[in-house]
Amino acid sequence: MSGRLKAVCLLSGGLDSATCLACARRDGYECYALSFDYGQRHRVELEAAARVAAALGAAGHQVIRLDPGVFRGSALTGGAEVPKGRSPERMGEGIPGTYVPARNTIFLSFALAWAEALGARDIFIGVNAVDYSGYPDCRPQYIEAFERMANLATRAAVEEGARLSLHAPLMRLSKAEIVCLAASLGVDFSLTHSCYDPAPDGRPCGECDSCVLRRKGFEEAGIEDR
C-alpha cells in the first residue's frame, strides 16, 4: 500500500486541468482524478480526461453523471449559441453565456466527499483568473471561501483536526505560462481537449472563447499545439 499523500484532482480533459493534475503528481501526491458528465455539448472532453488520467498515472479516475436539467441556462448545456469570435479583452466583460450555474461548487463538493472517503487532505482544481476572469467561481476569493467551508463541514476536520487544502496552482498564471508549465511537466497536449463547441467528430471549432485563449497561449509561449 502506498505511503504517499493522496489528492483528488478535478479533471475535465482540458489543458488547464491536465496541467493541474501534472502539478499534483510533481508535488508527490497519489492522484485520484474526478470528471463529470453533466450533459455538456463538449462531452468529447470526457474521452480526453480518460486519456490524460491514464497518461499521467492517476491512481483512480471516476466519472460522475449528473442530471443535465440542473444546469439549464448555460450555452454549454442548452440550445443557446456558444459565443465565438470574441477578443480576449471582450471575454473579461461580465459573466459569459458559457457559465454553468454553480458548477465548480457542485464539482468541489463531490471532490470533498471523495477526498474524505479516501483519507485525502488535498484537492486540486485548475481554475485561472488571469487570462479569463469572467467566471465567478474561478476567483481567488471563491477558492479561499470553499476551503474555509470544507474545514467546517467534514468529520475529518471537526473531530480529527485534519485540515483540508484546496490547491489552485494555475490561478495567477497567464495561458502562455500554463502552456510552458505543462510542457515542462511532460503533458502531452495532443491528449487534451479545450473546445466548447466541437464538431461531431471532435474537431475544435477554433472560434469559441476556449479555442481562442488556447491558441493565444501557445502562440505567446512559442510552442506548437499538437
Protein backbone atom coordinates (compact mmCIF):
# COMPACT_ATOMS: atom_id res chain seq x y z
CA MET A 1 0.00 0.00 0.00
CA SER A 2 1.35 3.42 -0.99
CA GLY A 3 2.55 5.73 1.76
CA ARG A 4 2.22 8.83 -0.43
CA LEU A 5 -0.25 11.57 0.39
CA LYS A 6 -3.44 11.34 -1.64
CA ALA A 7 -5.11 14.12 -3.58
CA VAL A 8 -8.35 14.39 -5.53
CA CYS A 9 -7.90 16.31 -8.79
CA LEU A 10 -10.76 17.70 -10.83
CA LEU A 11 -10.10 16.71 -14.44
CA SER A 12 -12.15 18.00 -17.35
CA GLY A 13 -9.72 16.83 -20.02
CA GLY A 14 -8.70 20.35 -20.97
CA LEU A 15 -5.27 21.92 -20.95
CA ASP A 16 -5.63 23.59 -17.55
CA SER A 17 -6.96 20.58 -15.65
CA ALA A 18 -4.33 18.31 -17.24
CA THR A 19 -1.61 20.73 -16.14
CA CYS A 20 -3.11 20.87 -12.67
CA LEU A 21 -3.04 17.06 -12.41
CA ALA A 22 0.58 17.12 -13.55
CA CYS A 23 1.35 19.67 -10.82
CA ALA A 24 -0.14 17.39 -8.17
CA ARG A 25 1.90 14.48 -9.47
CA ARG A 26 5.04 16.64 -9.48
CA ASP A 27 4.38 17.52 -5.85
CA GLY A 28 4.43 13.84 -4.91
CA TYR A 29 0.72 13.12 -4.50
CA GLU A 30 -1.04 9.89 -5.34
CA CYS A 31 -3.70 11.38 -7.59
CA TYR A 32 -7.36 10.45 -7.93
CA ALA A 33 -8.96 12.15 -10.93
CA LEU A 34 -12.62 13.18 -10.91
CA SER A 35 -14.61 14.12 -14.03
CA PHE A 36 -18.27 14.93 -14.63
CA ASP A 37 -20.80 14.14 -17.33
CA TYR A 38 -23.44 16.84 -16.94
CA GLY A 39 -24.86 16.90 -20.45
CA GLN A 40 -22.23 19.30 -21.77
CA ARG A 41 -22.23 19.72 -25.53
CA HIS A 42 -18.47 19.11 -25.49
CA ARG A 43 -18.74 15.65 -23.89
CA VAL A 44 -15.78 14.61 -26.03
CA GLU A 45 -13.73 16.17 -23.21
CA LEU A 46 -14.51 13.10 -21.10
CA GLU A 47 -12.59 10.92 -23.56
CA ALA A 48 -9.71 13.37 -23.23
CA ALA A 49 -9.95 13.17 -19.44
CA ALA A 50 -9.62 9.39 -19.56
CA ARG A 51 -6.56 9.67 -21.80
CA VAL A 52 -4.93 12.29 -19.57
CA ALA A 53 -5.64 10.35 -16.35
CA ALA A 54 -4.03 7.25 -17.82
CA ALA A 55 -1.04 9.10 -19.26
CA LEU A 56 -0.32 10.94 -16.01
CA GLY A 57 -0.63 7.82 -13.89
CA ALA A 58 -3.72 8.63 -11.85
CA ALA A 59 -4.34 6.01 -9.17
CA GLY A 60 -8.05 6.21 -9.92
CA HIS A 61 -10.45 8.03 -12.24
CA GLN A 62 -14.16 8.43 -11.63
CA VAL A 63 -16.73 9.99 -13.94
CA ILE A 64 -19.82 11.22 -12.11
CA ARG A 65 -23.02 11.52 -14.14
CA LEU A 66 -25.27 14.43 -13.15
CA ASP A 67 -28.77 15.32 -14.32
CA PRO A 68 -28.25 17.95 -17.05
CA GLY A 69 -31.57 19.54 -16.15
CA VAL A 70 -29.91 21.04 -13.10
CA PHE A 71 -27.61 23.11 -15.31
CA ARG A 72 -30.14 24.62 -17.72
CA GLY A 73 -29.48 28.17 -18.86
CA SER A 74 -25.89 27.69 -19.98
CA ALA A 75 -24.71 27.71 -23.58
CA LEU A 76 -22.75 24.56 -22.71
CA THR A 77 -25.83 22.58 -21.71
CA GLY A 78 -28.74 24.19 -23.57
CA GLY A 79 -29.65 25.40 -27.02
CA ALA A 80 -28.10 28.86 -26.76
CA GLU A 81 -25.26 29.72 -29.09
CA VAL A 82 -21.71 29.44 -27.78
CA PRO A 83 -20.07 32.88 -28.06
CA LYS A 84 -17.50 32.95 -30.85
CA GLY A 85 -15.04 35.33 -32.41
CA ARG A 86 -14.56 37.39 -29.25
CA SER A 87 -11.29 39.07 -28.37
CA PRO A 88 -9.63 38.17 -25.06
CA GLU A 89 -10.46 41.70 -23.88
CA ARG A 90 -14.18 41.21 -24.52
CA MET A 91 -14.14 37.88 -22.72
CA GLY A 92 -13.45 39.63 -19.42
CA GLU A 93 -16.53 41.86 -19.74
CA GLY A 94 -19.11 40.27 -17.46
CA ILE A 95 -20.09 36.66 -16.93
CA PRO A 96 -20.21 34.77 -20.27
CA GLY A 97 -23.04 32.63 -21.58
CA THR A 98 -20.86 29.55 -21.12
CA TYR A 99 -21.09 29.96 -17.34
CA VAL A 100 -22.68 26.82 -15.86
CA PRO A 101 -24.76 27.50 -12.72
CA ALA A 102 -22.81 26.64 -9.56
CA ARG A 103 -20.69 24.13 -11.49
CA ASN A 104 -17.47 24.39 -9.50
CA THR A 105 -19.34 24.37 -6.19
CA ILE A 106 -21.06 21.13 -7.15
CA PHE A 107 -17.88 19.58 -8.54
CA LEU A 108 -15.83 20.54 -5.50
CA SER A 109 -18.49 19.13 -3.17
CA PHE A 110 -18.13 15.74 -4.84
CA ALA A 111 -14.35 16.09 -4.68
CA LEU A 112 -14.59 16.91 -0.97
CA ALA A 113 -16.71 13.83 -0.31
CA TRP A 114 -14.34 11.55 -2.21
CA ALA A 115 -11.31 13.10 -0.53
CA GLU A 116 -12.74 12.44 2.92
CA ALA A 117 -13.61 8.87 1.97
CA LEU A 118 -10.07 8.31 0.67
CA GLY A 119 -8.44 9.93 3.66
CA ALA A 120 -7.05 12.62 1.37
CA ARG A 121 -6.40 16.11 2.69
CA ASP A 122 -5.78 17.84 -0.63
CA ILE A 123 -7.93 18.79 -3.62
CA PHE A 124 -6.57 20.28 -6.86
CA ILE A 125 -8.58 22.41 -9.29
CA GLY A 126 -7.29 24.07 -12.45
CA VAL A 127 -9.14 27.39 -12.22
CA ASN A 128 -7.50 30.53 -13.58
CA ALA A 129 -8.30 34.21 -13.01
CA VAL A 130 -5.74 35.91 -15.24
CA ASP A 131 -6.45 35.36 -18.93
CA TYR A 132 -10.15 34.69 -18.34
CA SER A 133 -11.72 36.09 -15.18
CA GLY A 134 -15.36 36.10 -16.26
CA TYR A 135 -16.43 33.10 -14.16
CA PRO A 136 -17.30 33.98 -10.53
CA ASP A 137 -16.30 30.50 -9.32
CA CYS A 138 -12.76 30.84 -10.66
CA ARG A 139 -11.72 33.73 -8.43
CA PRO A 140 -9.24 33.50 -5.53
CA GLN A 141 -11.95 34.68 -3.12
CA TYR A 142 -14.15 31.76 -4.10
CA ILE A 143 -11.37 29.18 -3.66
CA GLU A 144 -10.50 30.59 -0.24
CA ALA A 145 -14.15 30.58 0.82
CA PHE A 146 -14.70 26.98 -0.27
CA GLU A 147 -11.61 25.85 1.61
CA ARG A 148 -12.89 27.56 4.77
CA MET A 149 -16.27 25.88 4.35
CA ALA A 150 -14.68 22.48 3.77
CA ASN A 151 -12.84 22.74 7.07
CA LEU A 152 -16.11 23.46 8.87
CA ALA A 153 -18.16 20.76 7.18
CA THR A 154 -16.24 17.48 7.43
CA ARG A 155 -15.80 15.00 10.25
CA ALA A 156 -12.12 14.72 9.41
CA ALA A 157 -11.68 18.42 10.18
CA VAL A 158 -14.03 18.71 13.14
CA GLU A 159 -13.19 15.52 15.04
CA GLU A 160 -9.73 14.63 13.78
CA GLY A 161 -8.28 18.09 13.36
CA ALA A 162 -7.27 17.28 9.78
CA ARG A 163 -7.01 20.40 7.63
CA LEU A 164 -8.13 20.13 4.02
CA SER A 165 -6.25 22.25 1.49
CA LEU A 166 -7.72 23.37 -1.82
CA HIS A 167 -4.94 23.94 -4.36
CA ALA A 168 -5.34 26.14 -7.43
CA PRO A 169 -1.76 26.22 -8.79
CA LEU A 170 -2.73 27.91 -12.07
CA MET A 171 -4.77 30.71 -10.51
CA ARG A 172 -2.37 33.56 -11.24
CA LEU A 173 -0.72 32.24 -14.42
CA SER A 174 -1.34 33.51 -17.94
CA LYS A 175 -2.34 30.97 -20.55
CA ALA A 176 1.16 31.17 -22.04
CA GLU A 177 2.66 30.45 -18.62
CA ILE A 178 0.33 27.47 -18.24
CA VAL A 179 1.45 26.12 -21.62
CA CYS A 180 5.11 26.46 -20.61
CA LEU A 181 4.45 24.80 -17.25
CA ALA A 182 2.60 21.94 -18.93
CA ALA A 183 5.46 21.42 -21.35
CA SER A 184 7.98 21.34 -18.51
CA LEU A 185 5.87 18.72 -16.72
CA GLY A 186 5.62 16.48 -19.77
CA VAL A 187 1.93 16.98 -20.51
CA ASP A 188 1.04 15.56 -23.93
CA PHE A 189 -1.02 18.37 -25.45
CA SER A 190 -2.46 16.08 -28.10
CA LEU A 191 -4.39 14.19 -25.40
CA THR A 192 -6.28 17.28 -24.21
CA HIS A 193 -9.45 18.94 -25.49
CA SER A 194 -10.47 22.55 -24.89
CA CYS A 195 -13.23 23.45 -27.39
CA TYR A 196 -16.71 24.38 -26.13
CA ASP A 197 -18.45 23.64 -29.43
CA PRO A 198 -16.63 20.82 -31.25
CA ALA A 199 -17.74 19.21 -34.49
CA PRO A 200 -19.42 15.79 -34.26
CA ASP A 201 -16.04 14.15 -34.86
CA GLY A 202 -14.49 16.13 -32.01
CA ARG A 203 -12.56 18.64 -34.07
CA PRO A 204 -12.32 22.03 -32.30
CA CYS A 205 -14.28 24.95 -33.76
CA GLY A 206 -11.31 27.31 -33.42
CA GLU A 207 -13.57 30.29 -32.66
CA CYS A 208 -15.06 29.84 -29.19
CA ASP A 209 -13.51 31.60 -26.20
CA SER A 210 -11.68 28.47 -25.08
CA CYS A 211 -10.19 27.84 -28.53
CA VAL A 212 -9.13 31.48 -28.87
CA LEU A 213 -7.43 31.53 -25.47
CA ARG A 214 -5.70 28.22 -26.08
CA ARG A 215 -4.34 29.41 -29.43
CA LYS A 216 -3.22 32.71 -27.88
CA GLY A 217 -1.43 30.87 -25.08
CA PHE A 218 0.51 28.58 -27.41
CA GLU A 219 1.43 31.44 -29.74
CA GLU A 220 2.75 33.58 -26.88
CA ALA A 221 4.62 30.61 -25.41
CA GLY A 222 6.22 29.84 -28.78
CA ILE A 223 5.19 26.20 -28.50
CA GLU A 224 3.36 24.13 -31.12
CA ASP A 225 -0.06 22.84 -30.12
CA ARG A 226 -0.20 19.27 -31.38
